[in-house]
């Protein structure tokens, strides 16, 4: 499936912002340009090559109007922040771009969730992510996958703070043998 440029850009921005957060936790606050200026310049350059008709600042303005990013009042572009809508779009684009392969160990992943009714939109978002990662519904709120999607599943759960509501299991399927006798 073809990933849109906006989704790809947002995913790269998400990864840069995550790297900055990890870096800031060790040395204190800094701007994007101070910490990752080469990465941000590379991102800007790749955008410019892809969209010559539109300037990078126009693209940033478009992303702000769409609600994907925000720049805190009084700060410049180096303080870009992804909004919840932007993170969702970034994750969707990243997941669309992947071709899911079967797990090398042959085990399956089972996801069981019970997201409260007052968080219904979040539950729907989570279902959409499960579908995009090739999960199959086993029964209501129980999904399985034989694909290698554990890392992405954990990332979604963490990013959307679903840890209290979601359980993830890695299971091995066993064959039931006819020769086993039941003792009474």
N, C-alpha and C. Protein backbone atom coordinates (compact mmCIF):
# COMPACT_ATOMS: atom_id res chain seq x y z
N UNK A 1 0.85 -1.17 0.00
CA UNK A 1 0.00 0.00 0.00
C UNK A 1 0.89 1.24 0.00
N UNK A 2 0.54 2.22 -0.77
CA UNK A 2 1.34 3.43 -0.89
C UNK A 2 1.07 4.36 0.29
N UNK A 3 2.12 4.84 0.88
CA UNK A 3 2.01 5.77 2.02
C UNK A 3 2.04 7.19 1.49
N UNK A 4 1.18 8.03 2.01
CA UNK A 4 1.15 9.43 1.58
C UNK A 4 2.35 10.16 2.16
N UNK A 5 2.77 11.19 1.45
CA UNK A 5 3.93 11.94 1.90
C UNK A 5 3.70 12.57 3.26
N UNK A 6 2.50 13.10 3.50
CA UNK A 6 2.20 13.73 4.80
C UNK A 6 2.37 12.73 5.93
N UNK A 7 1.87 11.52 5.75
CA UNK A 7 1.99 10.50 6.79
C UNK A 7 3.45 10.14 7.03
N UNK A 8 4.21 10.03 5.95
CA UNK A 8 5.63 9.70 6.07
C UNK A 8 6.36 10.81 6.82
N UNK A 9 6.07 12.04 6.46
CA UNK A 9 6.69 13.19 7.13
C UNK A 9 6.35 13.19 8.62
N UNK A 10 5.07 12.98 8.94
CA UNK A 10 4.65 12.99 10.35
C UNK A 10 5.32 11.86 11.12
N UNK A 11 5.48 10.69 10.50
CA UNK A 11 6.15 9.58 11.19
C UNK A 11 7.60 9.92 11.46
N UNK A 12 8.29 10.51 10.49
CA UNK A 12 9.68 10.91 10.70
C UNK A 12 9.76 11.97 11.80
N UNK A 13 8.83 12.91 11.79
CA UNK A 13 8.79 13.94 12.83
C UNK A 13 8.55 13.30 14.19
N UNK A 14 7.65 12.32 14.24
CA UNK A 14 7.37 11.63 15.50
C UNK A 14 8.65 10.98 16.04
N UNK A 15 9.39 10.29 15.17
CA UNK A 15 10.61 9.63 15.62
C UNK A 15 11.65 10.64 16.09
N UNK A 16 11.75 11.77 15.42
CA UNK A 16 12.69 12.81 15.84
C UNK A 16 12.29 13.36 17.21
N UNK A 17 11.00 13.65 17.39
CA UNK A 17 10.52 14.19 18.67
C UNK A 17 10.76 13.18 19.79
N UNK A 18 10.55 11.88 19.53
CA UNK A 18 10.82 10.85 20.54
C UNK A 18 12.30 10.81 20.89
N UNK A 19 13.18 10.92 19.89
CA UNK A 19 14.61 10.95 20.16
C UNK A 19 14.97 12.16 21.01
N UNK A 20 14.38 13.29 20.72
CA UNK A 20 14.65 14.50 21.50
C UNK A 20 14.20 14.31 22.94
N UNK A 21 13.02 13.72 23.13
CA UNK A 21 12.51 13.50 24.49
C UNK A 21 13.48 12.64 25.29
N UNK A 22 14.00 11.57 24.66
CA UNK A 22 14.98 10.72 25.35
C UNK A 22 16.25 11.50 25.64
N UNK A 23 16.69 12.31 24.68
CA UNK A 23 17.91 13.09 24.85
C UNK A 23 17.75 14.15 25.92
N UNK A 24 16.60 14.86 25.89
CA UNK A 24 16.34 15.91 26.88
C UNK A 24 16.31 15.36 28.29
N UNK A 25 15.82 14.14 28.46
CA UNK A 25 15.74 13.58 29.80
C UNK A 25 17.12 13.36 30.40
N UNK A 26 18.15 13.30 29.56
CA UNK A 26 19.50 13.09 30.08
C UNK A 26 20.29 14.39 30.24
N UNK A 27 19.98 15.43 29.42
CA UNK A 27 20.81 16.65 29.49
C UNK A 27 20.04 17.94 29.71
N UNK A 28 18.74 17.90 29.73
CA UNK A 28 17.96 19.12 29.93
C UNK A 28 17.39 19.65 28.63
N UNK A 29 16.56 20.70 28.70
CA UNK A 29 15.85 21.20 27.52
C UNK A 29 16.76 21.86 26.50
N UNK A 30 16.47 21.57 25.24
CA UNK A 30 17.13 22.20 24.10
C UNK A 30 16.15 22.24 22.95
N UNK A 31 16.45 23.02 21.95
CA UNK A 31 15.56 23.09 20.78
C UNK A 31 15.89 21.98 19.80
N UNK A 32 15.01 21.76 18.84
CA UNK A 32 15.25 20.77 17.80
C UNK A 32 16.54 21.08 17.05
N UNK A 33 16.75 22.34 16.75
CA UNK A 33 17.94 22.70 15.98
C UNK A 33 19.22 22.45 16.77
N UNK A 34 19.19 22.67 18.09
CA UNK A 34 20.38 22.42 18.89
C UNK A 34 20.69 20.93 18.98
N UNK A 35 19.65 20.12 19.10
CA UNK A 35 19.85 18.70 19.35
C UNK A 35 19.95 17.91 18.06
N UNK A 36 19.03 18.12 17.15
CA UNK A 36 18.95 17.28 15.96
C UNK A 36 18.91 18.09 14.68
N UNK A 37 19.65 19.18 14.64
CA UNK A 37 19.57 20.02 13.46
C UNK A 37 19.90 19.28 12.16
N UNK A 38 20.86 18.37 12.12
CA UNK A 38 21.09 17.67 10.86
C UNK A 38 19.87 16.85 10.42
N UNK A 39 19.21 16.16 11.38
CA UNK A 39 18.04 15.36 11.04
C UNK A 39 16.89 16.24 10.54
N UNK A 40 16.68 17.37 11.21
CA UNK A 40 15.60 18.27 10.79
C UNK A 40 15.91 18.87 9.43
N UNK A 41 17.17 19.22 9.20
CA UNK A 41 17.56 19.75 7.88
C UNK A 41 17.37 18.68 6.80
N UNK A 42 17.72 17.42 7.11
CA UNK A 42 17.52 16.33 6.15
C UNK A 42 16.05 16.15 5.84
N UNK A 43 15.21 16.24 6.87
CA UNK A 43 13.77 16.12 6.68
C UNK A 43 13.26 17.26 5.81
N UNK A 44 13.74 18.48 6.07
CA UNK A 44 13.35 19.63 5.27
C UNK A 44 13.83 19.46 3.83
N UNK A 45 15.05 18.97 3.66
CA UNK A 45 15.60 18.79 2.32
C UNK A 45 14.81 17.74 1.55
N UNK A 46 14.45 16.62 2.22
CA UNK A 46 13.69 15.58 1.52
C UNK A 46 12.32 16.10 1.12
N UNK A 47 11.75 16.95 1.97
CA UNK A 47 10.46 17.54 1.63
C UNK A 47 10.62 18.45 0.42
N UNK A 48 11.65 19.29 0.44
CA UNK A 48 11.85 20.24 -0.65
C UNK A 48 12.04 19.53 -1.98
N UNK A 49 12.75 18.42 -1.96
CA UNK A 49 12.96 17.67 -3.20
C UNK A 49 11.65 17.07 -3.70
N UNK A 50 10.79 16.65 -2.79
CA UNK A 50 9.53 16.01 -3.15
C UNK A 50 8.49 17.03 -3.62
N UNK A 51 8.45 18.16 -2.99
CA UNK A 51 7.41 19.15 -3.26
C UNK A 51 8.02 20.51 -3.61
N UNK A 52 8.59 20.62 -4.76
CA UNK A 52 9.25 21.87 -5.15
C UNK A 52 8.29 23.04 -5.27
N UNK A 53 7.02 22.77 -5.60
CA UNK A 53 6.05 23.85 -5.80
C UNK A 53 5.67 24.54 -4.48
N UNK A 54 5.90 23.89 -3.39
CA UNK A 54 5.42 24.41 -2.12
C UNK A 54 6.61 24.55 -1.16
N UNK A 55 6.66 25.61 -0.44
CA UNK A 55 7.78 25.79 0.47
C UNK A 55 7.56 24.97 1.75
N UNK A 56 8.65 24.71 2.44
CA UNK A 56 8.58 23.94 3.67
C UNK A 56 7.70 24.66 4.69
N UNK A 57 7.80 25.95 4.79
CA UNK A 57 6.99 26.69 5.76
C UNK A 57 5.50 26.61 5.41
N UNK A 58 5.18 26.58 4.11
CA UNK A 58 3.78 26.41 3.72
C UNK A 58 3.27 25.04 4.13
N UNK A 59 4.12 24.04 4.00
CA UNK A 59 3.74 22.69 4.39
C UNK A 59 3.51 22.63 5.90
N UNK A 60 4.37 23.26 6.68
CA UNK A 60 4.21 23.31 8.13
C UNK A 60 2.90 24.02 8.47
N UNK A 61 2.59 25.11 7.78
CA UNK A 61 1.32 25.80 7.99
C UNK A 61 0.14 24.91 7.69
N UNK A 62 0.24 24.14 6.62
CA UNK A 62 -0.82 23.19 6.26
C UNK A 62 -1.02 22.17 7.38
N UNK A 63 0.09 21.63 7.90
CA UNK A 63 0.00 20.64 8.97
C UNK A 63 -0.64 21.24 10.23
N UNK A 64 -0.32 22.50 10.51
CA UNK A 64 -0.94 23.19 11.66
C UNK A 64 -2.44 23.36 11.42
N UNK A 65 -2.84 23.79 10.24
CA UNK A 65 -4.27 23.98 9.93
C UNK A 65 -5.04 22.67 10.03
N UNK A 66 -4.40 21.58 9.63
CA UNK A 66 -5.05 20.27 9.69
C UNK A 66 -5.11 19.73 11.11
N UNK A 67 -4.38 20.36 12.02
CA UNK A 67 -4.38 19.91 13.41
C UNK A 67 -3.40 18.78 13.70
N UNK A 68 -2.41 18.58 12.82
CA UNK A 68 -1.44 17.51 13.01
C UNK A 68 -0.28 17.92 13.90
N UNK A 69 0.07 19.20 13.86
CA UNK A 69 1.18 19.70 14.67
C UNK A 69 0.77 21.01 15.32
N UNK A 70 1.57 21.41 16.30
CA UNK A 70 1.39 22.72 16.89
C UNK A 70 2.76 23.27 17.28
N UNK A 71 2.83 24.58 17.32
CA UNK A 71 4.03 25.27 17.75
C UNK A 71 3.61 26.10 18.95
N UNK A 72 4.18 25.83 20.12
CA UNK A 72 3.77 26.59 21.31
C UNK A 72 3.91 28.10 21.10
N UNK A 73 2.98 28.84 21.66
CA UNK A 73 2.96 30.30 21.53
C UNK A 73 4.29 30.89 22.01
N UNK A 74 4.85 31.76 21.20
CA UNK A 74 6.11 32.41 21.55
C UNK A 74 7.35 31.65 21.11
N UNK A 75 7.17 30.49 20.46
CA UNK A 75 8.30 29.70 20.01
C UNK A 75 8.28 29.59 18.49
N UNK A 76 9.37 29.13 17.95
CA UNK A 76 9.47 28.99 16.49
C UNK A 76 9.32 27.54 16.05
N UNK A 77 9.59 27.33 14.78
CA UNK A 77 9.40 26.02 14.16
C UNK A 77 10.26 24.93 14.82
N UNK A 78 11.34 25.33 15.46
CA UNK A 78 12.21 24.33 16.08
C UNK A 78 11.54 23.65 17.29
N UNK A 79 10.38 24.16 17.72
CA UNK A 79 9.66 23.56 18.85
C UNK A 79 8.38 22.86 18.40
N UNK A 80 8.37 22.34 17.19
CA UNK A 80 7.20 21.63 16.67
C UNK A 80 6.78 20.51 17.62
N UNK A 81 5.48 20.34 17.76
CA UNK A 81 4.96 19.24 18.57
C UNK A 81 3.85 18.55 17.78
N UNK A 82 3.85 17.23 17.81
CA UNK A 82 2.77 16.48 17.19
C UNK A 82 1.56 16.50 18.11
N UNK A 83 0.39 16.71 17.55
CA UNK A 83 -0.84 16.62 18.32
C UNK A 83 -1.28 15.15 18.34
N UNK A 84 -2.31 14.84 19.10
CA UNK A 84 -2.85 13.48 19.12
C UNK A 84 -3.28 13.06 17.71
N UNK A 85 -3.91 13.99 16.99
CA UNK A 85 -4.34 13.72 15.62
C UNK A 85 -3.12 13.47 14.72
N UNK A 86 -2.05 14.22 14.93
CA UNK A 86 -0.83 14.03 14.16
C UNK A 86 -0.17 12.70 14.44
N UNK A 87 -0.13 12.30 15.71
CA UNK A 87 0.44 11.00 16.06
C UNK A 87 -0.36 9.88 15.42
N UNK A 88 -1.69 10.00 15.46
CA UNK A 88 -2.55 8.96 14.87
C UNK A 88 -2.26 8.85 13.37
N UNK A 89 -2.18 9.99 12.70
CA UNK A 89 -1.90 10.01 11.25
C UNK A 89 -0.51 9.42 10.98
N UNK A 90 0.46 9.74 11.82
CA UNK A 90 1.81 9.21 11.65
C UNK A 90 1.82 7.69 11.81
N UNK A 91 1.17 7.20 12.86
CA UNK A 91 1.10 5.76 13.08
C UNK A 91 0.39 5.06 11.92
N UNK A 92 -0.73 5.63 11.48
CA UNK A 92 -1.47 5.04 10.35
C UNK A 92 -0.58 4.92 9.12
N UNK A 93 0.13 5.99 8.82
CA UNK A 93 1.01 5.97 7.66
C UNK A 93 2.13 4.97 7.80
N UNK A 94 2.71 4.89 8.98
CA UNK A 94 3.80 3.95 9.22
C UNK A 94 3.29 2.51 9.09
N UNK A 95 2.11 2.23 9.64
CA UNK A 95 1.58 0.88 9.58
C UNK A 95 1.18 0.51 8.15
N UNK A 96 0.65 1.47 7.39
CA UNK A 96 0.27 1.21 5.99
C UNK A 96 1.47 0.84 5.14
N UNK A 97 2.61 1.40 5.48
CA UNK A 97 3.80 1.20 4.65
C UNK A 97 4.46 -0.16 4.87
N UNK A 98 4.04 -0.88 5.89
CA UNK A 98 4.71 -2.13 6.23
C UNK A 98 4.03 -3.33 5.58
N UNK A 99 4.85 -4.28 5.26
CA UNK A 99 4.36 -5.57 4.78
C UNK A 99 4.59 -6.54 5.93
N UNK A 100 3.53 -7.03 6.52
CA UNK A 100 3.63 -7.87 7.71
C UNK A 100 4.00 -9.30 7.33
N UNK A 101 5.05 -9.78 7.93
CA UNK A 101 5.50 -11.15 7.69
C UNK A 101 5.14 -12.01 8.88
N UNK A 102 5.00 -13.31 8.67
CA UNK A 102 4.69 -14.21 9.79
C UNK A 102 5.81 -14.18 10.83
N UNK A 103 5.44 -14.44 12.08
CA UNK A 103 6.44 -14.51 13.15
C UNK A 103 7.39 -15.66 12.86
N UNK A 104 8.68 -15.45 13.05
CA UNK A 104 9.64 -16.53 12.76
C UNK A 104 9.49 -17.73 13.69
N UNK A 105 8.99 -17.51 14.90
CA UNK A 105 8.84 -18.62 15.85
C UNK A 105 7.52 -19.37 15.70
N UNK A 106 6.64 -18.92 14.80
CA UNK A 106 5.38 -19.60 14.57
C UNK A 106 4.32 -19.36 15.63
N UNK A 107 4.65 -18.55 16.62
CA UNK A 107 3.69 -18.28 17.70
C UNK A 107 2.71 -17.20 17.26
N UNK A 108 1.61 -17.09 17.99
CA UNK A 108 0.63 -16.06 17.68
C UNK A 108 0.61 -15.02 18.80
N UNK A 109 0.16 -13.85 18.43
CA UNK A 109 -0.03 -12.78 19.40
C UNK A 109 -1.52 -12.66 19.64
N UNK A 110 -1.91 -12.59 20.90
CA UNK A 110 -3.31 -12.40 21.25
C UNK A 110 -3.42 -11.11 22.04
N UNK A 111 -4.36 -10.27 21.63
CA UNK A 111 -4.63 -9.01 22.30
C UNK A 111 -6.05 -9.09 22.85
N UNK A 112 -6.17 -8.86 24.15
CA UNK A 112 -7.47 -8.81 24.81
C UNK A 112 -7.60 -7.43 25.43
N UNK A 113 -8.70 -6.77 25.18
CA UNK A 113 -8.85 -5.43 25.74
C UNK A 113 -10.25 -5.20 26.27
N UNK A 114 -10.31 -4.28 27.23
CA UNK A 114 -11.58 -3.85 27.80
C UNK A 114 -11.44 -2.34 28.05
N UNK A 115 -11.62 -1.58 26.99
CA UNK A 115 -11.49 -0.12 27.08
C UNK A 115 -12.86 0.43 27.48
N UNK A 116 -12.91 1.25 28.54
CA UNK A 116 -14.20 1.72 29.06
C UNK A 116 -15.06 2.44 28.03
N UNK A 117 -16.35 2.40 28.27
CA UNK A 117 -17.33 3.01 27.36
C UNK A 117 -17.10 4.51 27.22
N UNK A 118 -16.65 5.17 28.29
CA UNK A 118 -16.42 6.62 28.21
C UNK A 118 -15.21 6.97 27.35
N UNK A 119 -14.49 5.96 26.87
CA UNK A 119 -13.35 6.18 25.97
C UNK A 119 -13.59 5.47 24.63
N UNK A 120 -14.82 5.51 24.20
CA UNK A 120 -15.23 4.82 22.97
C UNK A 120 -14.41 5.24 21.74
N UNK A 121 -14.13 6.54 21.53
CA UNK A 121 -13.30 6.92 20.37
C UNK A 121 -11.91 6.28 20.41
N UNK A 122 -11.34 6.18 21.59
CA UNK A 122 -10.03 5.56 21.74
C UNK A 122 -10.12 4.06 21.41
N UNK A 123 -11.20 3.43 21.81
CA UNK A 123 -11.41 2.02 21.51
C UNK A 123 -11.49 1.81 19.99
N UNK A 124 -12.18 2.71 19.30
CA UNK A 124 -12.29 2.61 17.84
C UNK A 124 -10.94 2.81 17.16
N UNK A 125 -10.17 3.77 17.65
CA UNK A 125 -8.82 4.00 17.11
C UNK A 125 -7.98 2.74 17.29
N UNK A 126 -8.05 2.12 18.48
CA UNK A 126 -7.27 0.91 18.74
C UNK A 126 -7.68 -0.21 17.79
N UNK A 127 -8.98 -0.39 17.57
CA UNK A 127 -9.45 -1.41 16.63
C UNK A 127 -8.91 -1.16 15.22
N UNK A 128 -8.93 0.10 14.79
CA UNK A 128 -8.40 0.44 13.47
C UNK A 128 -6.93 0.06 13.34
N UNK A 129 -6.16 0.31 14.41
CA UNK A 129 -4.75 -0.06 14.39
C UNK A 129 -4.59 -1.58 14.31
N UNK A 130 -5.40 -2.32 15.06
CA UNK A 130 -5.32 -3.78 15.02
C UNK A 130 -5.61 -4.29 13.60
N UNK A 131 -6.61 -3.72 12.97
CA UNK A 131 -6.95 -4.12 11.60
C UNK A 131 -5.79 -3.81 10.65
N UNK A 132 -5.20 -2.63 10.80
CA UNK A 132 -4.11 -2.24 9.90
C UNK A 132 -2.85 -3.08 10.12
N UNK A 133 -2.75 -3.74 11.29
CA UNK A 133 -1.60 -4.62 11.55
C UNK A 133 -1.93 -6.08 11.25
N UNK A 134 -3.02 -6.32 10.52
CA UNK A 134 -3.41 -7.66 10.09
C UNK A 134 -3.86 -8.58 11.23
N UNK A 135 -4.38 -8.02 12.30
CA UNK A 135 -4.98 -8.86 13.34
C UNK A 135 -6.32 -9.37 12.83
N UNK A 136 -6.74 -10.50 13.36
CA UNK A 136 -8.03 -11.09 13.04
C UNK A 136 -8.84 -11.15 14.33
N UNK A 137 -10.11 -10.77 14.24
CA UNK A 137 -10.94 -10.80 15.43
C UNK A 137 -11.33 -12.25 15.72
N UNK A 138 -11.07 -12.69 16.94
CA UNK A 138 -11.42 -14.03 17.37
C UNK A 138 -12.82 -14.01 17.99
N UNK A 139 -13.03 -13.04 18.84
CA UNK A 139 -14.35 -12.72 19.36
C UNK A 139 -14.27 -11.31 19.88
N UNK A 140 -15.38 -10.75 20.30
CA UNK A 140 -15.39 -9.33 20.70
C UNK A 140 -14.27 -9.04 21.70
N UNK A 141 -13.45 -8.07 21.37
CA UNK A 141 -12.32 -7.62 22.20
C UNK A 141 -11.19 -8.63 22.33
N UNK A 142 -11.17 -9.65 21.49
CA UNK A 142 -10.08 -10.62 21.47
C UNK A 142 -9.61 -10.73 20.02
N UNK A 143 -8.36 -10.36 19.78
CA UNK A 143 -7.81 -10.35 18.43
C UNK A 143 -6.53 -11.19 18.42
N UNK A 144 -6.26 -11.84 17.29
CA UNK A 144 -5.04 -12.64 17.16
C UNK A 144 -4.32 -12.30 15.87
N UNK A 145 -3.02 -12.57 15.89
CA UNK A 145 -2.22 -12.38 14.68
C UNK A 145 -1.05 -13.35 14.69
N UNK A 146 -0.78 -13.92 13.53
CA UNK A 146 0.41 -14.76 13.36
C UNK A 146 1.54 -13.94 12.75
N UNK A 147 1.30 -12.65 12.55
CA UNK A 147 2.30 -11.77 11.94
C UNK A 147 3.25 -11.23 13.01
N UNK A 148 4.38 -10.71 12.59
CA UNK A 148 5.40 -10.18 13.49
C UNK A 148 5.08 -8.71 13.80
N UNK A 149 4.08 -8.49 14.64
CA UNK A 149 3.59 -7.13 14.92
C UNK A 149 3.65 -6.77 16.41
N UNK A 150 4.36 -7.55 17.20
CA UNK A 150 4.39 -7.33 18.64
C UNK A 150 4.94 -5.95 19.01
N UNK A 151 6.05 -5.57 18.40
CA UNK A 151 6.68 -4.28 18.72
C UNK A 151 5.73 -3.11 18.43
N UNK A 152 5.09 -3.15 17.26
CA UNK A 152 4.17 -2.07 16.89
C UNK A 152 2.95 -2.05 17.80
N UNK A 153 2.47 -3.23 18.18
CA UNK A 153 1.33 -3.32 19.09
C UNK A 153 1.67 -2.68 20.42
N UNK A 154 2.83 -3.01 20.95
CA UNK A 154 3.25 -2.44 22.23
C UNK A 154 3.41 -0.93 22.13
N UNK A 155 3.92 -0.45 21.02
CA UNK A 155 4.12 0.99 20.83
C UNK A 155 2.79 1.74 20.83
N UNK A 156 1.77 1.17 20.17
CA UNK A 156 0.44 1.80 20.13
C UNK A 156 -0.15 1.82 21.54
N UNK A 157 -0.05 0.69 22.24
CA UNK A 157 -0.59 0.61 23.61
C UNK A 157 0.07 1.65 24.50
N UNK A 158 1.39 1.76 24.40
CA UNK A 158 2.11 2.74 25.21
C UNK A 158 1.74 4.18 24.83
N UNK A 159 1.74 4.45 23.53
CA UNK A 159 1.51 5.82 23.06
C UNK A 159 0.11 6.33 23.43
N UNK A 160 -0.87 5.44 23.41
CA UNK A 160 -2.24 5.84 23.73
C UNK A 160 -2.61 5.56 25.19
N UNK A 161 -1.60 5.19 25.99
CA UNK A 161 -1.79 4.95 27.43
C UNK A 161 -2.89 3.92 27.70
N UNK A 162 -2.84 2.83 26.98
CA UNK A 162 -3.84 1.77 27.09
C UNK A 162 -3.41 0.61 27.99
N UNK A 163 -2.27 0.75 28.66
CA UNK A 163 -1.75 -0.35 29.48
C UNK A 163 -2.77 -0.91 30.47
N UNK A 164 -3.58 -0.06 31.14
CA UNK A 164 -4.54 -0.64 32.12
C UNK A 164 -5.66 -1.45 31.47
N UNK A 165 -5.88 -1.26 30.19
CA UNK A 165 -7.04 -1.86 29.53
C UNK A 165 -6.71 -3.00 28.57
N UNK A 166 -5.43 -3.17 28.25
CA UNK A 166 -5.05 -4.13 27.21
C UNK A 166 -4.04 -5.14 27.76
N UNK A 167 -4.26 -6.38 27.43
CA UNK A 167 -3.32 -7.46 27.76
C UNK A 167 -2.85 -8.08 26.46
N UNK A 168 -1.55 -8.34 26.36
CA UNK A 168 -0.96 -8.93 25.15
C UNK A 168 -0.29 -10.24 25.55
N UNK A 169 -0.58 -11.28 24.78
CA UNK A 169 -0.01 -12.60 25.04
C UNK A 169 0.67 -13.11 23.77
N UNK A 170 1.77 -13.81 23.96
CA UNK A 170 2.41 -14.53 22.86
C UNK A 170 2.16 -16.00 23.16
N UNK A 171 1.44 -16.66 22.25
CA UNK A 171 0.98 -18.03 22.49
C UNK A 171 1.56 -19.00 21.49
N UNK A 172 1.70 -20.21 21.96
CA UNK A 172 2.14 -21.29 21.09
C UNK A 172 0.97 -22.23 20.88
N UNK A 173 0.68 -22.54 19.66
CA UNK A 173 -0.41 -23.44 19.34
C UNK A 173 0.10 -24.87 19.48
N UNK A 174 -0.69 -25.70 20.16
CA UNK A 174 -0.30 -27.10 20.29
C UNK A 174 -1.39 -27.96 19.66
N UNK A 175 -0.99 -29.09 19.17
CA UNK A 175 -1.92 -30.03 18.58
C UNK A 175 -2.39 -30.99 19.67
N UNK A 176 -3.66 -31.22 19.74
CA UNK A 176 -4.23 -32.16 20.70
C UNK A 176 -4.11 -33.55 20.09
N UNK A 177 -3.49 -34.46 20.83
CA UNK A 177 -3.27 -35.82 20.34
C UNK A 177 -4.41 -36.73 20.77
N UNK A 178 -4.79 -37.62 19.90
CA UNK A 178 -5.86 -38.56 20.20
C UNK A 178 -5.41 -39.62 21.21
N UNK A 179 -4.15 -39.89 21.29
CA UNK A 179 -3.66 -40.97 22.14
C UNK A 179 -3.64 -40.61 23.62
N UNK A 180 -3.91 -39.38 23.96
CA UNK A 180 -3.90 -38.96 25.36
C UNK A 180 -5.17 -39.46 26.03
N UNK A 181 -5.03 -40.16 27.14
CA UNK A 181 -6.19 -40.65 27.87
C UNK A 181 -6.44 -39.79 29.09
N UNK A 182 -7.69 -39.68 29.42
CA UNK A 182 -8.08 -38.86 30.58
C UNK A 182 -8.24 -39.80 31.76
N UNK A 183 -7.59 -39.48 32.85
CA UNK A 183 -7.71 -40.29 34.08
C UNK A 183 -8.85 -39.74 34.92
N UNK A 184 -9.63 -40.65 35.47
CA UNK A 184 -10.75 -40.24 36.32
C UNK A 184 -10.58 -40.72 37.71
